[in-house]
Amino acid sequence: MAASAERLAEGLAGLAREELRRTRRVLDTPQGVKVAVDGAACLNFSSNDYLGLANHPRIVEAMHAALAA
């Protein structure tokens, strides 16, 4: 392994030992005002879906049509 890759691996291992590695939370439900994370109901104060279009029926239909084309 190259020296830079070894340094990177060592750095990541150090972060893991100190419990500083970031882990992404995965939603159990579609994005919305209310979501479930690890089975717990939560209010979603942090979302890319600020217009509320992630699950809009016309948007979903358009995505399906684009994929089918």
PDB file of N, CA and C in Angstrom:
ATOM      1  N   MET A   1       0.854  -1.175   0.000  1.00  0.00           N
ATOM      2  CA  MET A   1       0.000   0.000   0.000  1.00  0.00           C
ATOM      3  C   MET A   1       0.902   1.240   0.000  1.00  0.00           C
ATOM      4  N   ALA A   2       0.527   2.234  -0.759  1.00  0.00           N
ATOM      5  CA  ALA A   2       1.302   3.470  -0.847  1.00  0.00           C
ATOM      6  C   ALA A   2       1.292   4.185   0.502  1.00  0.00           C
ATOM      7  N   ALA A   3       2.331   4.984   0.726  1.00  0.00           N
ATOM      8  CA  ALA A   3       2.472   5.687   2.005  1.00  0.00           C
ATOM      9  C   ALA A   3       1.266   6.582   2.293  1.00  0.00           C
ATOM     10  N   SER A   4       0.765   7.266   1.268  1.00  0.00           N
ATOM     11  CA  SER A   4      -0.378   8.160   1.499  1.00  0.00           C
ATOM     12  C   SER A   4      -1.629   7.357   1.861  1.00  0.00           C
ATOM     13  N   ALA A   5      -1.821   6.193   1.250  1.00  0.00           N
ATOM     14  CA  ALA A   5      -2.972   5.351   1.580  1.00  0.00           C
ATOM     15  C   ALA A   5      -2.835   4.807   3.002  1.00  0.00           C
ATOM     16  N   GLU A   6      -1.607   4.480   3.403  1.00  0.00           N
ATOM     17  CA  GLU A   6      -1.378   3.994   4.773  1.00  0.00           C
ATOM     18  C   GLU A   6      -1.697   5.084   5.787  1.00  0.00           C
ATOM     19  N   ARG A   7      -1.259   6.320   5.498  1.00  0.00           N
ATOM     20  CA  ARG A   7      -1.560   7.436   6.405  1.00  0.00           C
ATOM     21  C   ARG A   7      -3.067   7.660   6.505  1.00  0.00           C
ATOM     22  N   LEU A   8      -3.737   7.559   5.372  1.00  0.00           N
ATOM     23  CA  LEU A   8      -5.186   7.728   5.372  1.00  0.00           C
ATOM     24  C   LEU A   8      -5.848   6.634   6.202  1.00  0.00           C
ATOM     25  N   ALA A   9      -5.434   5.388   6.005  1.00  0.00           N
ATOM     26  CA  ALA A   9      -5.995   4.269   6.773  1.00  0.00           C
ATOM     27  C   ALA A   9      -5.732   4.434   8.264  1.00  0.00           C
ATOM     28  N   GLU A  10      -4.530   4.874   8.614  1.00  0.00           N
ATOM     29  CA  GLU A  10      -4.194   5.099  10.024  1.00  0.00           C
ATOM     30  C   GLU A  10      -5.047   6.215  10.618  1.00  0.00           C
ATOM     31  N   GLY A  11      -5.224   7.276   9.839  1.00  0.00           N
ATOM     32  CA  GLY A  11      -6.054   8.391  10.311  1.00  0.00           C
ATOM     33  C   GLY A  11      -7.493   7.974  10.530  1.00  0.00           C
ATOM     34  N   LEU A  12      -8.042   7.200   9.600  1.00  0.00           N
ATOM     35  CA  LEU A  12      -9.415   6.721   9.749  1.00  0.00           C
ATOM     36  C   LEU A  12      -9.546   5.773  10.937  1.00  0.00           C
ATOM     37  N   ALA A  13      -8.545   4.920  11.133  1.00  0.00           N
ATOM     38  CA  ALA A  13      -8.565   4.009  12.279  1.00  0.00           C
ATOM     39  C   ALA A  13      -8.521   4.797  13.587  1.00  0.00           C
ATOM     40  N   GLY A  14      -7.725   5.856  13.624  1.00  0.00           N
ATOM     41  CA  GLY A  14      -7.646   6.704  14.818  1.00  0.00           C
ATOM     42  C   GLY A  14      -8.975   7.381  15.108  1.00  0.00           C
ATOM     43  N   LEU A  15      -9.633   7.883  14.070  1.00  0.00           N
ATOM     44  CA  LEU A  15     -10.944   8.497  14.259  1.00  0.00           C
ATOM     45  C   LEU A  15     -11.952   7.481  14.785  1.00  0.00           C
ATOM     46  N   ALA A  16     -11.884   6.266  14.253  1.00  0.00           N
ATOM     47  CA  ALA A  16     -12.798   5.214  14.705  1.00  0.00           C
ATOM     48  C   ALA A  16     -12.545   4.874  16.178  1.00  0.00           C
ATOM     49  N   ARG A  17     -11.271   4.786  16.576  1.00  0.00           N
ATOM     50  CA  ARG A  17     -10.949   4.485  17.976  1.00  0.00           C
ATOM     51  C   ARG A  17     -11.490   5.552  18.912  1.00  0.00           C
ATOM     52  N   GLU A  18     -11.424   6.799  18.473  1.00  0.00           N
ATOM     53  CA  GLU A  18     -11.899   7.915  19.297  1.00  0.00           C
ATOM     54  C   GLU A  18     -13.401   8.177  19.108  1.00  0.00           C
ATOM     55  N   GLU A  19     -14.050   7.300  18.355  1.00  0.00           N
ATOM     56  CA  GLU A  19     -15.473   7.423  18.060  1.00  0.00           C
ATOM     57  C   GLU A  19     -15.818   8.778  17.441  1.00  0.00           C
ATOM     58  N   LEU A  20     -14.972   9.226  16.529  1.00  0.00           N
ATOM     59  CA  LEU A  20     -15.175  10.504  15.856  1.00  0.00           C
ATOM     60  C   LEU A  20     -15.561  10.344  14.388  1.00  0.00           C
ATOM     61  N   ARG A  21     -15.664   9.101  13.917  1.00  0.00           N
ATOM     62  CA  ARG A  21     -16.060   8.892  12.521  1.00  0.00           C
ATOM     63  C   ARG A  21     -17.531   9.190  12.369  1.00  0.00           C
ATOM     64  N   ARG A  22     -17.842   9.897  11.334  1.00  0.00           N
ATOM     65  CA  ARG A  22     -19.226  10.259  11.059  1.00  0.00           C
ATOM     66  C   ARG A  22     -19.961   9.074  10.434  1.00  0.00           C
ATOM     67  N   THR A  23     -21.162   8.850  10.866  1.00  0.00           N
ATOM     68  CA  THR A  23     -22.009   7.842  10.241  1.00  0.00           C
ATOM     69  C   THR A  23     -23.280   8.530   9.774  1.00  0.00           C
ATOM     70  N   ARG A  24     -23.722   8.148   8.629  1.00  0.00           N
ATOM     71  CA  ARG A  24     -24.938   8.754   8.075  1.00  0.00           C
ATOM     72  C   ARG A  24     -26.164   8.041   8.626  1.00  0.00           C
ATOM     73  N   ARG A  25     -27.140   8.822   9.011  1.00  0.00           N
ATOM     74  CA  ARG A  25     -28.400   8.245   9.453  1.00  0.00           C
ATOM     75  C   ARG A  25     -29.255   7.989   8.219  1.00  0.00           C
ATOM     76  N   VAL A  26     -29.904   6.871   8.213  1.00  0.00           N
ATOM     77  CA  VAL A  26     -30.764   6.494   7.101  1.00  0.00           C
ATOM     78  C   VAL A  26     -32.204   6.539   7.581  1.00  0.00           C
ATOM     79  N   LEU A  27     -33.025   7.253   6.840  1.00  0.00           N
ATOM     80  CA  LEU A  27     -34.429   7.368   7.206  1.00  0.00           C
ATOM     81  C   LEU A  27     -35.150   6.062   6.909  1.00  0.00           C
ATOM     82  N   ASP A  28     -36.071   5.693   7.787  1.00  0.00           N
ATOM     83  CA  ASP A  28     -36.908   4.517   7.573  1.00  0.00           C
ATOM     84  C   ASP A  28     -38.119   4.855   6.715  1.00  0.00           C
ATOM     85  N   THR A  29     -38.379   6.140   6.523  1.00  0.00           N
ATOM     86  CA  THR A  29     -39.553   6.614   5.788  1.00  0.00           C
ATOM     87  C   THR A  29     -39.106   7.608   4.727  1.00  0.00           C
ATOM     88  N   PRO A  30     -39.983   7.932   3.784  1.00  0.00           N
ATOM     89  CA  PRO A  30     -39.645   8.998   2.823  1.00  0.00           C
ATOM     90  C   PRO A  30     -39.456  10.330   3.549  1.00  0.00           C
ATOM     91  N   GLN A  31     -38.737  11.241   2.898  1.00  0.00           N
ATOM     92  CA  GLN A  31     -38.539  12.558   3.498  1.00  0.00           C
ATOM     93  C   GLN A  31     -39.862  13.270   3.642  1.00  0.00           C
ATOM     94  N   GLY A  32     -39.981  13.984   4.704  1.00  0.00           N
ATOM     95  CA  GLY A  32     -41.168  14.769   4.981  1.00  0.00           C
ATOM     96  C   GLY A  32     -40.962  15.514   6.276  1.00  0.00           C
ATOM     97  N   VAL A  33     -41.997  16.162   6.753  1.00  0.00           N
ATOM     98  CA  VAL A  33     -41.910  16.893   8.013  1.00  0.00           C
ATOM     99  C   VAL A  33     -41.667  15.916   9.156  1.00  0.00           C
ATOM    100  N   LYS A  34     -42.366  14.788   9.109  1.00  0.00           N
ATOM    101  CA  LYS A  34     -42.188  13.744  10.112  1.00  0.00           C
ATOM    102  C   LYS A  34     -41.535  12.547   9.435  1.00  0.00           C
ATOM    103  N   VAL A  35     -40.505  12.012  10.058  1.00  0.00           N
ATOM    104  CA  VAL A  35     -39.787  10.856   9.523  1.00  0.00           C
ATOM    105  C   VAL A  35     -39.553   9.856  10.648  1.00  0.00           C
ATOM    106  N   ALA A  36     -39.112   8.669  10.275  1.00  0.00           N
ATOM    107  CA  ALA A  36     -38.717   7.672  11.265  1.00  0.00           C
ATOM    108  C   ALA A  36     -37.237   7.371  11.051  1.00  0.00           C
ATOM    109  N   VAL A  37     -36.489   7.365  12.150  1.00  0.00           N
ATOM    110  CA  VAL A  37     -35.066   7.034  12.129  1.00  0.00           C
ATOM    111  C   VAL A  37     -34.844   5.958  13.178  1.00  0.00           C
ATOM    112  N   ASP A  38     -34.324   4.830  12.743  1.00  0.00           N
ATOM    113  CA  ASP A  38     -34.123   3.689  13.649  1.00  0.00           C
ATOM    114  C   ASP A  38     -35.398   3.343  14.410  1.00  0.00           C
ATOM    115  N   GLY A  39     -36.537   3.453  13.729  1.00  0.00           N
ATOM    116  CA  GLY A  39     -37.819   3.102  14.327  1.00  0.00           C
ATOM    117  C   GLY A  39     -38.447   4.176  15.197  1.00  0.00           C
ATOM    118  N   ALA A  40     -37.755   5.282  15.411  1.00  0.00           N
ATOM    119  CA  ALA A  40     -38.281   6.359  16.264  1.00  0.00           C
ATOM    120  C   ALA A  40     -38.863   7.477  15.407  1.00  0.00           C
ATOM    121  N   ALA A  41     -40.030   7.966  15.785  1.00  0.00           N
ATOM    122  CA  ALA A  41     -40.654   9.091  15.087  1.00  0.00           C
ATOM    123  C   ALA A  41     -39.896  10.375  15.420  1.00  0.00           C
ATOM    124  N   CYS A  42     -39.591  11.153  14.391  1.00  0.00           N
ATOM    125  CA  CYS A  42     -38.819  12.393  14.568  1.00  0.00           C
ATOM    126  C   CYS A  42     -39.399  13.497  13.691  1.00  0.00           C
ATOM    127  N   LEU A  43     -39.189  14.725  14.115  1.00  0.00           N
ATOM    128  CA  LEU A  43     -39.455  15.865  13.250  1.00  0.00           C
ATOM    129  C   LEU A  43     -38.199  16.132  12.444  1.00  0.00           C
ATOM    130  N   ASN A  44     -38.377  16.409  11.162  1.00  0.00           N
ATOM    131  CA  ASN A  44     -37.250  16.598  10.261  1.00  0.00           C
ATOM    132  C   ASN A  44     -36.943  18.089  10.120  1.00  0.00           C
ATOM    133  N   PHE A  45     -35.925  18.553  10.834  1.00  0.00           N
ATOM    134  CA  PHE A  45     -35.521  19.954  10.756  1.00  0.00           C
ATOM    135  C   PHE A  45     -34.374  20.162   9.773  1.00  0.00           C
ATOM    136  N   SER A  46     -33.897  19.092   9.172  1.00  0.00           N
ATOM    137  CA  SER A  46     -32.741  19.177   8.287  1.00  0.00           C
ATOM    138  C   SER A  46     -33.020  18.336   7.054  1.00  0.00           C
ATOM    139  N   SER A  47     -33.342  18.998   5.954  1.00  0.00           N
ATOM    140  CA  SER A  47     -33.737  18.258   4.768  1.00  0.00           C
ATOM    141  C   SER A  47     -33.369  19.028   3.512  1.00  0.00           C
ATOM    142  N   ASN A  48     -33.090  18.293   2.434  1.00  0.00           N
ATOM    143  CA  ASN A  48     -32.889  18.916   1.126  1.00  0.00           C
ATOM    144  C   ASN A  48     -34.227  19.205   0.470  1.00  0.00           C
ATOM    145  N   ASP A  49     -35.291  18.685   1.020  1.00  0.00           N
ATOM    146  CA  ASP A  49     -36.615  18.771   0.412  1.00  0.00           C
ATOM    147  C   ASP A  49     -37.396  19.960   0.951  1.00  0.00           C
ATOM    148  N   TYR A  50     -36.801  21.141   0.904  1.00  0.00           N
ATOM    149  CA  TYR A  50     -37.440  22.311   1.501  1.00  0.00           C
ATOM    150  C   TYR A  50     -38.690  22.748   0.750  1.00  0.00           C
ATOM    151  N   LEU A  51     -38.867  22.305  -0.493  1.00  0.00           N
ATOM    152  CA  LEU A  51     -40.085  22.633  -1.231  1.00  0.00           C
ATOM    153  C   LEU A  51     -41.152  21.553  -1.087  1.00  0.00           C
ATOM    154  N   GLY A  52     -40.809  20.452  -0.449  1.00  0.00           N
ATOM    155  CA  GLY A  52     -41.773  19.380  -0.257  1.00  0.00           C
ATOM    156  C   GLY A  52     -42.097  18.615  -1.526  1.00  0.00           C
ATOM    157  N   LEU A  53     -41.157  18.557  -2.466  1.00  0.00           N
ATOM    158  CA  LEU A  53     -41.425  17.914  -3.746  1.00  0.00           C
ATOM    159  C   LEU A  53     -40.879  16.488  -3.855  1.00  0.00           C
ATOM    160  N   ALA A  54     -40.160  16.006  -2.870  1.00  0.00           N
ATOM    161  CA  ALA A  54     -39.517  14.696  -2.976  1.00  0.00           C
ATOM    162  C   ALA A  54     -40.523  13.579  -3.224  1.00  0.00           C
ATOM    163  N   ASN A  55     -41.705  13.701  -2.682  1.00  0.00           N
ATOM    164  CA  ASN A  55     -42.710  12.654  -2.848  1.00  0.00           C
ATOM    165  C   ASN A  55     -43.979  13.161  -3.518  1.00  0.00           C
ATOM    166  N   HIS A  56     -43.880  14.280  -4.211  1.00  0.00           N
ATOM    167  CA  HIS A  56     -45.045  14.827  -4.908  1.00  0.00           C
ATOM    168  C   HIS A  56     -45.437  13.870  -6.033  1.00  0.00           C
ATOM    169  N   PRO A  57     -46.717  13.514  -6.130  1.00  0.00           N
ATOM    170  CA  PRO A  57     -47.140  12.507  -7.113  1.00  0.00           C
ATOM    171  C   PRO A  57     -46.735  12.829  -8.557  1.00  0.00           C
ATOM    172  N   ARG A  58     -46.822  14.089  -8.968  1.00  0.00           N
ATOM    173  CA  ARG A  58     -46.465  14.433 -10.356  1.00  0.00           C
ATOM    174  C   ARG A  58     -44.963  14.297 -10.587  1.00  0.00           C
ATOM    175  N   ILE A  59     -44.162  14.612  -9.578  1.00  0.00           N
ATOM    176  CA  ILE A  59     -42.708  14.471  -9.695  1.00  0.00           C
ATOM    177  C   ILE A  59     -42.339  12.994  -9.779  1.00  0.00           C
ATOM    178  N   VAL A  60     -42.948  12.196  -8.912  1.00  0.00           N
ATOM    179  CA  VAL A  60     -42.684  10.752  -8.923  1.00  0.00           C
ATOM    180  C   VAL A  60     -43.094  10.154 -10.267  1.00  0.00           C
ATOM    181  N   GLU A  61     -44.243  10.548 -10.787  1.00  0.00           N
ATOM    182  CA  GLU A  61     -44.712  10.063 -12.089  1.00  0.00           C
ATOM    183  C   GLU A  61     -43.734  10.451 -13.191  1.00  0.00           C
ATOM    184  N   ALA A  62     -43.247  11.685 -13.162  1.00  0.00           N
ATOM    185  CA  ALA A  62     -42.291  12.137 -14.169  1.00  0.00           C
ATOM    186  C   ALA A  62     -40.991  11.356 -14.085  1.00  0.00           C
ATOM    187  N   MET A  63     -40.541  11.044 -12.867  1.00  0.00           N
ATOM    188  CA  MET A  63     -39.316  10.251 -12.710  1.00  0.00           C
ATOM    189  C   MET A  63     -39.498   8.849 -13.285  1.00  0.00           C
ATOM    190  N   HIS A  64     -40.658   8.249 -13.017  1.00  0.00           N
ATOM    191  CA  HIS A  64     -40.927   6.918 -13.554  1.00  0.00           C
ATOM    192  C   HIS A  64     -40.977   6.954 -15.090  1.00  0.00           C
ATOM    193  N   ALA A  65     -41.604   7.985 -15.638  1.00  0.00           N
ATOM    194  CA  ALA A  65     -41.686   8.108 -17.099  1.00  0.00           C
ATOM    195  C   ALA A  65     -40.295   8.281 -17.706  1.00  0.00           C
ATOM    196  N   ALA A  66     -39.444   9.067 -17.039  1.00  0.00           N
ATOM    197  CA  ALA A  66     -38.090   9.288 -17.552  1.00  0.00           C
ATOM    198  C   ALA A  66     -37.265   7.999 -17.493  1.00  0.00           C
ATOM    199  N   LEU A  67     -37.448   7.218 -16.448  1.00  0.00           N
ATOM    200  CA  LEU A  67     -36.720   5.967 -16.344  1.00  0.00           C
ATOM    201  C   LEU A  67     -37.180   4.943 -17.369  1.00  0.00           C
ATOM    202  N   ALA A  68     -38.469   4.983 -17.704  1.00  0.00           N
ATOM    203  CA  ALA A  68     -39.014   4.029 -18.655  1.00  0.00           C
ATOM    204  C   ALA A  68     -38.609   4.358 -20.096  1.00  0.00           C
ATOM    205  N   ALA A  69     -38.251   5.600 -20.340  1.00  0.00           N
ATOM    206  CA  ALA A  69     -37.908   6.036 -21.713  1.00  0.00           C
ATOM    207  C   ALA A  69     -36.560   5.504 -22.161  1.00  0.00           C
TER     208      ALA A  69
END
